N, C-alpha and C. Protein backbone atom coordinates (compact mmCIF):
# COMPACT_ATOMS: atom_id res chain seq x y z
N MET A 1 0.84 -1.19 0.00
CA MET A 1 0.00 0.00 0.00
C MET A 1 0.89 1.24 0.00
N LYS A 2 0.45 2.23 -0.78
CA LYS A 2 1.23 3.46 -0.88
C LYS A 2 1.13 4.27 0.40
N SER A 3 2.20 4.96 0.66
CA SER A 3 2.17 5.84 1.82
C SER A 3 1.35 7.08 1.49
N LEU A 4 0.94 7.77 2.51
CA LEU A 4 0.14 8.98 2.34
C LEU A 4 0.90 10.01 1.51
N GLU A 5 2.20 10.11 1.73
CA GLU A 5 3.01 11.07 0.97
C GLU A 5 3.01 10.73 -0.52
N ASN A 6 3.13 9.46 -0.86
CA ASN A 6 3.10 9.06 -2.27
C ASN A 6 1.73 9.29 -2.90
N GLN A 7 0.69 9.07 -2.11
CA GLN A 7 -0.65 9.32 -2.62
C GLN A 7 -0.85 10.80 -2.91
N ILE A 8 -0.35 11.66 -2.05
CA ILE A 8 -0.45 13.11 -2.25
C ILE A 8 0.34 13.52 -3.49
N ILE A 9 1.51 12.97 -3.66
CA ILE A 9 2.33 13.28 -4.85
C ILE A 9 1.60 12.84 -6.11
N ASP A 10 0.99 11.66 -6.08
CA ASP A 10 0.22 11.19 -7.24
C ASP A 10 -0.96 12.10 -7.55
N LEU A 11 -1.65 12.54 -6.52
CA LEU A 11 -2.78 13.46 -6.70
C LEU A 11 -2.32 14.80 -7.28
N GLN A 12 -1.20 15.30 -6.77
CA GLN A 12 -0.67 16.57 -7.29
C GLN A 12 -0.27 16.43 -8.75
N SER A 13 0.30 15.30 -9.09
CA SER A 13 0.70 15.06 -10.48
C SER A 13 -0.52 14.98 -11.38
N SER A 14 -1.54 14.27 -10.93
CA SER A 14 -2.78 14.17 -11.71
C SER A 14 -3.43 15.55 -11.88
N LEU A 15 -3.44 16.32 -10.82
CA LEU A 15 -4.01 17.67 -10.87
C LEU A 15 -3.25 18.55 -11.86
N ALA A 16 -1.94 18.45 -11.87
CA ALA A 16 -1.13 19.25 -12.80
C ALA A 16 -1.46 18.88 -14.24
N HIS A 17 -1.61 17.59 -14.51
CA HIS A 17 -1.97 17.15 -15.87
C HIS A 17 -3.36 17.65 -16.26
N LEU A 18 -4.29 17.60 -15.31
CA LEU A 18 -5.64 18.09 -15.57
C LEU A 18 -5.65 19.59 -15.85
N GLU A 19 -4.86 20.34 -15.11
CA GLU A 19 -4.78 21.79 -15.33
C GLU A 19 -4.24 22.11 -16.72
N ILE A 20 -3.23 21.37 -17.16
CA ILE A 20 -2.67 21.57 -18.50
C ILE A 20 -3.72 21.24 -19.56
N THR A 21 -4.45 20.16 -19.35
CA THR A 21 -5.49 19.76 -20.29
C THR A 21 -6.57 20.82 -20.38
N VAL A 22 -7.00 21.34 -19.25
CA VAL A 22 -8.03 22.39 -19.23
C VAL A 22 -7.53 23.64 -19.95
N GLU A 23 -6.29 24.02 -19.74
CA GLU A 23 -5.73 25.19 -20.42
C GLU A 23 -5.69 24.97 -21.94
N ASP A 24 -5.28 23.78 -22.36
CA ASP A 24 -5.23 23.46 -23.79
C ASP A 24 -6.62 23.50 -24.41
N LEU A 25 -7.59 22.91 -23.71
CA LEU A 25 -8.96 22.92 -24.22
C LEU A 25 -9.52 24.34 -24.27
N ASN A 26 -9.18 25.17 -23.31
CA ASN A 26 -9.64 26.55 -23.30
C ASN A 26 -9.09 27.31 -24.51
N LYS A 27 -7.83 27.05 -24.86
CA LYS A 27 -7.24 27.69 -26.04
C LYS A 27 -7.97 27.27 -27.31
N VAL A 28 -8.27 25.98 -27.40
CA VAL A 28 -8.97 25.47 -28.58
C VAL A 28 -10.36 26.11 -28.68
N ILE A 29 -11.07 26.15 -27.58
CA ILE A 29 -12.42 26.73 -27.58
C ILE A 29 -12.36 28.22 -27.93
N SER A 30 -11.38 28.92 -27.40
CA SER A 30 -11.24 30.35 -27.71
C SER A 30 -10.98 30.56 -29.20
N ASN A 31 -10.11 29.74 -29.78
CA ASN A 31 -9.83 29.85 -31.22
C ASN A 31 -11.07 29.53 -32.05
N GLN A 32 -11.81 28.50 -31.66
CA GLN A 32 -13.02 28.14 -32.39
C GLN A 32 -14.07 29.23 -32.28
N ASP A 33 -14.18 29.86 -31.12
CA ASP A 33 -15.13 30.95 -30.95
C ASP A 33 -14.78 32.12 -31.86
N LYS A 34 -13.50 32.43 -31.95
CA LYS A 34 -13.07 33.51 -32.84
C LYS A 34 -13.37 33.17 -34.30
N GLN A 35 -13.11 31.92 -34.69
CA GLN A 35 -13.41 31.50 -36.06
C GLN A 35 -14.90 31.58 -36.35
N LEU A 36 -15.73 31.16 -35.39
CA LEU A 36 -17.18 31.23 -35.59
C LEU A 36 -17.65 32.68 -35.73
N GLN A 37 -17.12 33.55 -34.92
CA GLN A 37 -17.49 34.96 -35.02
C GLN A 37 -17.09 35.53 -36.37
N ASP A 38 -15.88 35.20 -36.84
CA ASP A 38 -15.42 35.66 -38.15
C ASP A 38 -16.34 35.15 -39.26
N MET A 39 -16.70 33.86 -39.19
CA MET A 39 -17.58 33.29 -40.22
C MET A 39 -18.97 33.92 -40.19
N GLN A 40 -19.47 34.20 -38.99
CA GLN A 40 -20.78 34.84 -38.89
C GLN A 40 -20.75 36.24 -39.51
N ARG A 41 -19.65 36.97 -39.29
CA ARG A 41 -19.52 38.30 -39.91
C ARG A 41 -19.46 38.18 -41.43
N GLN A 42 -18.72 37.18 -41.93
CA GLN A 42 -18.62 36.99 -43.37
C GLN A 42 -19.97 36.63 -43.97
N ILE A 43 -20.71 35.77 -43.31
CA ILE A 43 -22.04 35.41 -43.81
C ILE A 43 -22.95 36.62 -43.81
N GLN A 44 -22.87 37.42 -42.77
CA GLN A 44 -23.71 38.63 -42.71
C GLN A 44 -23.34 39.60 -43.83
N LEU A 45 -22.04 39.74 -44.12
CA LEU A 45 -21.63 40.61 -45.22
C LEU A 45 -22.15 40.09 -46.57
N MET A 46 -22.05 38.76 -46.77
CA MET A 46 -22.56 38.19 -48.02
C MET A 46 -24.06 38.36 -48.13
N TYR A 47 -24.76 38.15 -47.03
CA TYR A 47 -26.21 38.30 -47.02
C TYR A 47 -26.59 39.75 -47.35
N ASN A 48 -25.92 40.69 -46.72
CA ASN A 48 -26.21 42.11 -47.00
C ASN A 48 -25.89 42.45 -48.45
N HIS A 49 -24.81 41.88 -48.98
CA HIS A 49 -24.46 42.12 -50.38
C HIS A 49 -25.53 41.58 -51.32
N LEU A 50 -26.01 40.39 -51.04
CA LEU A 50 -27.06 39.81 -51.87
C LEU A 50 -28.35 40.62 -51.79
N LEU A 51 -28.68 41.09 -50.60
CA LEU A 51 -29.89 41.91 -50.45
C LEU A 51 -29.76 43.24 -51.19
N SER A 52 -28.60 43.83 -51.16
CA SER A 52 -28.42 45.13 -51.81
C SER A 52 -28.42 45.01 -53.33
N ASN A 53 -28.04 43.85 -53.86
CA ASN A 53 -28.03 43.65 -55.31
C ASN A 53 -29.39 43.23 -55.86
N GLY A 54 -30.31 42.90 -55.01
CA GLY A 54 -31.64 42.49 -55.46
C GLY A 54 -31.58 41.15 -56.16
N ASP A 55 -32.46 40.97 -57.13
CA ASP A 55 -32.56 39.70 -57.85
C ASP A 55 -31.53 39.58 -58.96
N SER A 56 -30.82 40.62 -59.29
CA SER A 56 -29.90 40.57 -60.42
C SER A 56 -28.67 39.71 -60.17
N GLY A 57 -28.36 39.41 -58.91
CA GLY A 57 -27.15 38.68 -58.60
C GLY A 57 -27.24 37.18 -58.83
N ILE A 58 -28.43 36.61 -58.69
CA ILE A 58 -28.56 35.16 -58.80
C ILE A 58 -29.68 34.85 -59.79
N ALA A 59 -29.35 34.05 -60.79
CA ALA A 59 -30.36 33.65 -61.77
C ALA A 59 -31.17 32.48 -61.23
N ALA A 60 -32.42 32.42 -61.64
CA ALA A 60 -33.27 31.31 -61.22
C ALA A 60 -32.78 30.02 -61.87
N PHE A 61 -32.98 28.91 -61.20
CA PHE A 61 -32.55 27.61 -61.71
C PHE A 61 -33.68 27.02 -62.54
N ASP A 62 -33.38 26.68 -63.78
CA ASP A 62 -34.35 26.05 -64.67
C ASP A 62 -33.85 24.64 -64.96
N LEU A 63 -34.54 23.65 -64.44
CA LEU A 63 -34.10 22.26 -64.54
C LEU A 63 -33.96 21.82 -65.99
N LEU A 64 -34.89 22.19 -66.84
CA LEU A 64 -34.84 21.74 -68.24
C LEU A 64 -33.76 22.47 -69.03
N ALA A 65 -33.56 23.75 -68.78
CA ALA A 65 -32.59 24.52 -69.54
C ALA A 65 -31.16 24.25 -69.06
N ASP A 66 -31.00 23.83 -67.84
CA ASP A 66 -29.67 23.65 -67.26
C ASP A 66 -29.22 22.19 -67.24
N LYS A 67 -29.72 21.38 -68.18
CA LYS A 67 -29.30 19.98 -68.23
C LYS A 67 -27.85 19.89 -68.66
N PRO A 68 -27.09 19.02 -68.06
CA PRO A 68 -25.73 18.78 -68.52
C PRO A 68 -25.77 18.16 -69.92
N PRO A 69 -24.72 18.33 -70.71
CA PRO A 69 -24.75 17.86 -72.10
C PRO A 69 -24.83 16.33 -72.24
N HIS A 70 -24.47 15.59 -71.23
CA HIS A 70 -24.50 14.14 -71.37
C HIS A 70 -25.89 13.53 -71.20
N TYR A 71 -26.93 14.34 -70.97
CA TYR A 71 -28.29 13.80 -70.87
C TYR A 71 -28.99 13.84 -72.18
């Protein structure tokens, strides 16, 4: 059986590893949050651009007229 001192050392070691893991995960989450915010701004800019151009920016899809040549 381990002595109390060895058990405390093991707990401290485990805690240190957990703290490092939490810090690493926090960095990943922070980076992902920044990326999501950037993408949301880009989508909003594209949406505003499409709205400001009206219907002239995107042509309607016609299934019969847009057949690929191999059909």
